[in-house]
Amino acid sequence: MPPIDANVRHPGRHKLAGVLISGSESQMGRRMTMNRNFTTLVIAALAIVAVVLGYQLYQERHKTGVEISIGDRGISIEKK
């Protein structure tokens, strides 16, 4: 087999830091990058959900004003 020249393009092969990487190994690297990107996306989405739910809980606990409710026992008015 003739020596591989770094300046010649070979389909399915990439040279990285003097090491020849075949096409399947290069695809595996891309899959790992996509998995890492997907994991980052999931973590970011969960963080956003946690912030939104925390804000809603904060708003619910710190409500001020008057609550008027009508039920079986009649009308009730509560100050919050």
N, C-alpha and C. Protein backbone atom coordinates (compact mmCIF):
# COMPACT_ATOMS: atom_id res chain seq x y z
N MET A 1 0.85 -1.17 0.00
CA MET A 1 0.00 0.00 0.00
C MET A 1 0.90 1.23 0.00
N PRO A 2 0.61 2.20 -0.86
CA PRO A 2 1.46 3.40 -0.92
C PRO A 2 1.23 4.28 0.31
N PRO A 3 2.23 5.07 0.66
CA PRO A 3 2.06 5.94 1.83
C PRO A 3 0.98 6.99 1.57
N ILE A 4 0.32 7.38 2.63
CA ILE A 4 -0.76 8.35 2.52
C ILE A 4 -0.18 9.75 2.66
N ASP A 5 -0.47 10.58 1.67
CA ASP A 5 -0.01 11.96 1.68
C ASP A 5 -1.07 12.82 2.34
N ALA A 6 -0.68 13.67 3.27
CA ALA A 6 -1.63 14.51 4.00
C ALA A 6 -2.30 15.52 3.09
N ASN A 7 -1.70 15.85 1.97
CA ASN A 7 -2.26 16.86 1.08
C ASN A 7 -3.26 16.29 0.09
N VAL A 8 -3.34 14.97 -0.03
CA VAL A 8 -4.25 14.32 -0.97
C VAL A 8 -5.51 13.93 -0.23
N ARG A 9 -6.65 14.25 -0.82
CA ARG A 9 -7.94 13.92 -0.20
C ARG A 9 -8.28 12.47 -0.48
N HIS A 10 -8.64 11.75 0.56
CA HIS A 10 -9.08 10.36 0.43
C HIS A 10 -10.51 10.29 0.91
N PRO A 11 -11.42 9.76 0.09
CA PRO A 11 -12.82 9.69 0.53
C PRO A 11 -12.97 8.78 1.74
N GLY A 12 -13.70 9.26 2.73
CA GLY A 12 -13.96 8.45 3.92
C GLY A 12 -12.83 8.45 4.92
N ARG A 13 -11.77 9.22 4.68
CA ARG A 13 -10.64 9.24 5.62
C ARG A 13 -10.30 10.68 5.96
N HIS A 14 -9.92 10.89 7.19
CA HIS A 14 -9.52 12.21 7.65
C HIS A 14 -8.24 12.05 8.46
N LYS A 15 -7.34 13.02 8.35
CA LYS A 15 -6.11 12.94 9.11
C LYS A 15 -6.18 14.00 10.20
N LEU A 16 -6.02 13.57 11.43
CA LEU A 16 -6.11 14.46 12.58
C LEU A 16 -4.89 14.22 13.45
N ALA A 17 -4.06 15.24 13.61
CA ALA A 17 -2.86 15.18 14.44
C ALA A 17 -1.98 13.99 14.07
N GLY A 18 -1.85 13.74 12.76
CA GLY A 18 -0.97 12.69 12.28
C GLY A 18 -1.55 11.29 12.38
N VAL A 19 -2.81 11.15 12.81
CA VAL A 19 -3.45 9.84 12.96
C VAL A 19 -4.53 9.73 11.89
N LEU A 20 -4.51 8.64 11.16
CA LEU A 20 -5.50 8.42 10.12
C LEU A 20 -6.78 7.92 10.75
N ILE A 21 -7.89 8.60 10.45
CA ILE A 21 -9.19 8.23 11.01
C ILE A 21 -10.06 7.79 9.85
N SER A 22 -10.64 6.61 9.96
CA SER A 22 -11.50 6.11 8.89
C SER A 22 -12.85 6.81 8.95
N GLY A 23 -13.65 6.64 7.91
CA GLY A 23 -14.95 7.28 7.81
C GLY A 23 -15.88 6.89 8.95
N SER A 24 -15.89 5.61 9.35
CA SER A 24 -16.80 5.18 10.40
C SER A 24 -16.42 5.81 11.74
N GLU A 25 -15.14 5.96 12.00
CA GLU A 25 -14.71 6.60 13.24
C GLU A 25 -15.06 8.08 13.23
N SER A 26 -14.97 8.71 12.05
CA SER A 26 -15.34 10.11 11.91
C SER A 26 -16.84 10.28 12.15
N GLN A 27 -17.65 9.37 11.65
CA GLN A 27 -19.09 9.42 11.88
C GLN A 27 -19.40 9.23 13.36
N MET A 28 -18.64 8.38 14.02
CA MET A 28 -18.85 8.16 15.45
C MET A 28 -18.58 9.46 16.22
N GLY A 29 -17.57 10.19 15.80
CA GLY A 29 -17.27 11.47 16.43
C GLY A 29 -18.40 12.46 16.23
N ARG A 30 -18.99 12.46 15.03
CA ARG A 30 -20.13 13.33 14.76
C ARG A 30 -21.33 12.94 15.61
N ARG A 31 -21.56 11.63 15.77
CA ARG A 31 -22.67 11.16 16.60
C ARG A 31 -22.46 11.59 18.05
N MET A 32 -21.22 11.49 18.54
CA MET A 32 -20.94 11.90 19.91
C MET A 32 -21.19 13.39 20.07
N THR A 33 -20.83 14.19 19.06
CA THR A 33 -21.08 15.63 19.12
C THR A 33 -22.57 15.90 19.12
N MET A 34 -23.33 15.18 18.28
CA MET A 34 -24.78 15.37 18.25
C MET A 34 -25.40 14.95 19.59
N ASN A 35 -24.91 13.84 20.19
CA ASN A 35 -25.41 13.41 21.49
C ASN A 35 -25.12 14.47 22.54
N ARG A 36 -23.92 15.05 22.49
CA ARG A 36 -23.55 16.09 23.45
C ARG A 36 -24.44 17.31 23.26
N ASN A 37 -24.71 17.68 22.00
CA ASN A 37 -25.60 18.81 21.72
C ASN A 37 -27.02 18.54 22.21
N PHE A 38 -27.50 17.32 22.00
CA PHE A 38 -28.84 16.95 22.44
C PHE A 38 -28.92 16.98 23.96
N THR A 39 -27.89 16.46 24.63
CA THR A 39 -27.86 16.47 26.09
C THR A 39 -27.87 17.91 26.62
N THR A 40 -27.09 18.78 25.99
CA THR A 40 -27.07 20.18 26.39
C THR A 40 -28.44 20.81 26.19
N LEU A 41 -29.10 20.50 25.10
CA LEU A 41 -30.44 21.02 24.82
C LEU A 41 -31.44 20.56 25.88
N VAL A 42 -31.39 19.29 26.25
CA VAL A 42 -32.30 18.75 27.27
C VAL A 42 -32.06 19.42 28.61
N ILE A 43 -30.79 19.57 29.00
CA ILE A 43 -30.47 20.21 30.27
C ILE A 43 -30.95 21.66 30.27
N ALA A 44 -30.75 22.38 29.18
CA ALA A 44 -31.21 23.77 29.08
C ALA A 44 -32.73 23.84 29.19
N ALA A 45 -33.43 22.93 28.51
CA ALA A 45 -34.90 22.92 28.57
C ALA A 45 -35.38 22.65 30.00
N LEU A 46 -34.75 21.70 30.69
CA LEU A 46 -35.13 21.41 32.07
C LEU A 46 -34.85 22.60 32.98
N ALA A 47 -33.76 23.29 32.75
CA ALA A 47 -33.45 24.48 33.55
C ALA A 47 -34.50 25.56 33.33
N ILE A 48 -34.92 25.76 32.09
CA ILE A 48 -35.95 26.76 31.80
C ILE A 48 -37.27 26.38 32.47
N VAL A 49 -37.63 25.11 32.41
CA VAL A 49 -38.86 24.65 33.06
C VAL A 49 -38.79 24.89 34.56
N ALA A 50 -37.64 24.61 35.18
CA ALA A 50 -37.47 24.80 36.62
C ALA A 50 -37.61 26.29 36.98
N VAL A 51 -37.03 27.16 36.17
CA VAL A 51 -37.12 28.60 36.44
C VAL A 51 -38.57 29.08 36.31
N VAL A 52 -39.27 28.65 35.28
CA VAL A 52 -40.66 29.07 35.07
C VAL A 52 -41.54 28.57 36.21
N LEU A 53 -41.41 27.31 36.59
CA LEU A 53 -42.21 26.77 37.69
C LEU A 53 -41.88 27.46 39.01
N GLY A 54 -40.62 27.74 39.24
CA GLY A 54 -40.22 28.46 40.45
C GLY A 54 -40.82 29.85 40.50
N TYR A 55 -40.84 30.55 39.38
CA TYR A 55 -41.42 31.88 39.31
C TYR A 55 -42.93 31.83 39.56
N GLN A 56 -43.60 30.84 38.97
CA GLN A 56 -45.04 30.70 39.20
C GLN A 56 -45.34 30.42 40.66
N LEU A 57 -44.55 29.57 41.30
CA LEU A 57 -44.73 29.27 42.72
C LEU A 57 -44.50 30.51 43.56
N TYR A 58 -43.48 31.27 43.22
CA TYR A 58 -43.20 32.52 43.93
C TYR A 58 -44.38 33.48 43.81
N GLN A 59 -44.91 33.63 42.60
CA GLN A 59 -46.05 34.52 42.39
C GLN A 59 -47.27 34.06 43.18
N GLU A 60 -47.50 32.75 43.22
CA GLU A 60 -48.64 32.20 43.93
C GLU A 60 -48.53 32.46 45.43
N ARG A 61 -47.36 32.34 45.98
CA ARG A 61 -47.17 32.53 47.43
C ARG A 61 -47.20 33.99 47.84
N HIS A 62 -46.87 34.89 46.94
CA HIS A 62 -46.79 36.30 47.29
C HIS A 62 -47.92 37.13 46.68
N LYS A 63 -49.06 36.51 46.50
CA LYS A 63 -50.22 37.24 45.99
C LYS A 63 -50.72 38.19 47.07
N THR A 64 -51.11 39.36 46.66
CA THR A 64 -51.74 40.30 47.57
C THR A 64 -53.04 40.76 46.95
N GLY A 65 -53.98 41.14 47.78
CA GLY A 65 -55.25 41.62 47.27
C GLY A 65 -56.40 40.97 48.01
N VAL A 66 -57.52 40.89 47.34
CA VAL A 66 -58.74 40.35 47.93
C VAL A 66 -59.21 39.17 47.08
N GLU A 67 -59.62 38.10 47.77
CA GLU A 67 -60.16 36.93 47.08
C GLU A 67 -61.63 36.81 47.41
N ILE A 68 -62.46 36.78 46.39
CA ILE A 68 -63.90 36.64 46.56
C ILE A 68 -64.30 35.30 45.97
N SER A 69 -64.96 34.46 46.78
CA SER A 69 -65.39 33.16 46.27
C SER A 69 -66.86 32.94 46.63
N ILE A 70 -67.55 32.29 45.72
CA ILE A 70 -68.96 31.97 45.93
C ILE A 70 -69.07 30.46 45.94
N GLY A 71 -69.61 29.90 47.01
CA GLY A 71 -69.71 28.45 47.15
C GLY A 71 -71.02 28.05 47.80
N ASP A 72 -71.07 26.83 48.31
CA ASP A 72 -72.26 26.29 48.97
C ASP A 72 -72.62 27.08 50.22
N ARG A 73 -71.63 27.63 50.88
CA ARG A 73 -71.85 28.34 52.14
C ARG A 73 -72.10 29.83 51.90
N GLY A 74 -72.21 30.25 50.66
CA GLY A 74 -72.48 31.64 50.34
C GLY A 74 -71.24 32.32 49.79
N ILE A 75 -71.18 33.63 50.03
CA ILE A 75 -70.07 34.44 49.53
C ILE A 75 -69.03 34.60 50.64
N SER A 76 -67.76 34.44 50.28
CA SER A 76 -66.71 34.70 51.26
C SER A 76 -65.71 35.66 50.64
N ILE A 77 -65.24 36.59 51.46
CA ILE A 77 -64.26 37.59 51.03
C ILE A 77 -63.06 37.47 51.96
N GLU A 78 -61.89 37.26 51.39
CA GLU A 78 -60.66 37.12 52.18
C GLU A 78 -59.62 38.09 51.67
N LYS A 79 -58.92 38.70 52.61
CA LYS A 79 -57.79 39.56 52.24
C LYS A 79 -56.54 38.69 52.21
N LYS A 80 -55.78 38.85 51.19
CA LYS A 80 -54.54 38.06 51.06
C LYS A 80 -53.35 38.93 51.26
